Amino acid sequence: MSMEILPKDFNKNIRELSEWLDKWRVERFGSDSLNPERYYKVTQDEKGRYLYGVAEGASLNDEKAKCDKVRDLLLSIKQINDKLSGKGLSQHLQWKEREQLKRERETLYKDYLEEMQTEPEPQRGELLYYCQIAVKQGLLEKTATGYKRVAGKMTKAQLAYLLGRFLNDDGTFPDKEYCAMFDESRLSRKRPRGFGSTKPDGT
């Protein structure tokens, strides 16, 4: 997805956040997603009164729910960021209060990053599956642009070997894509030969 991924400490006002959400919705679901009538149906009763209801269709209602969830996540994160920056406060937050807010923001931000994921291609989907396992095992950590090795837990060579199992259709290694996704450089040069599998074990 080419949309800007907002950092967890973003500093946007309501208007700027609304503009970002509109752009995201258009890119993700098309320009018609900005039309409120898309998600509702209007009927008239025998007395000529207009009745509003929910438009039918599982995918349409999934779309509406996803848009609402992303909006609510970002508004919640904004509230925390405003408090951490002292905006609108009459007294300073205590250290424990600040740390609690940061933990809450971290949870919200992880949910936000998950919602920003587009539907992967089948092979990339398998890669993401193993990445999620690696995160649970403490080998990788989630970032705004993808994933990052945890120092001392996974070497660059191990990561390169794992990625070497997920090549382009023509058999080439997508070095530029993977380097951006894992915040690395020249991963293709670190692909070892005869190295054992580094795929994390599933449970």
Foldseek 3Di string as FASTA:
>chain_A
DPQDQADLLDDDDPVVVVVSLQVVLCVQPNNCVVPPCQQWDWDADPVRDIDIDGDDDPVSVVSVVLSVLLVVLVVLSNVLSCLLVVNPDPDHDDPVVNVVSVVVSVVSSVVNLVSPDDDDDPLVVVVVVLVVVCVVVQQWPADSQAIEGDPPRDDLLLVLQSQQVRDPPVSHRPQVSVCRRHVHHPSVVSDDPPDDHSRDDDD
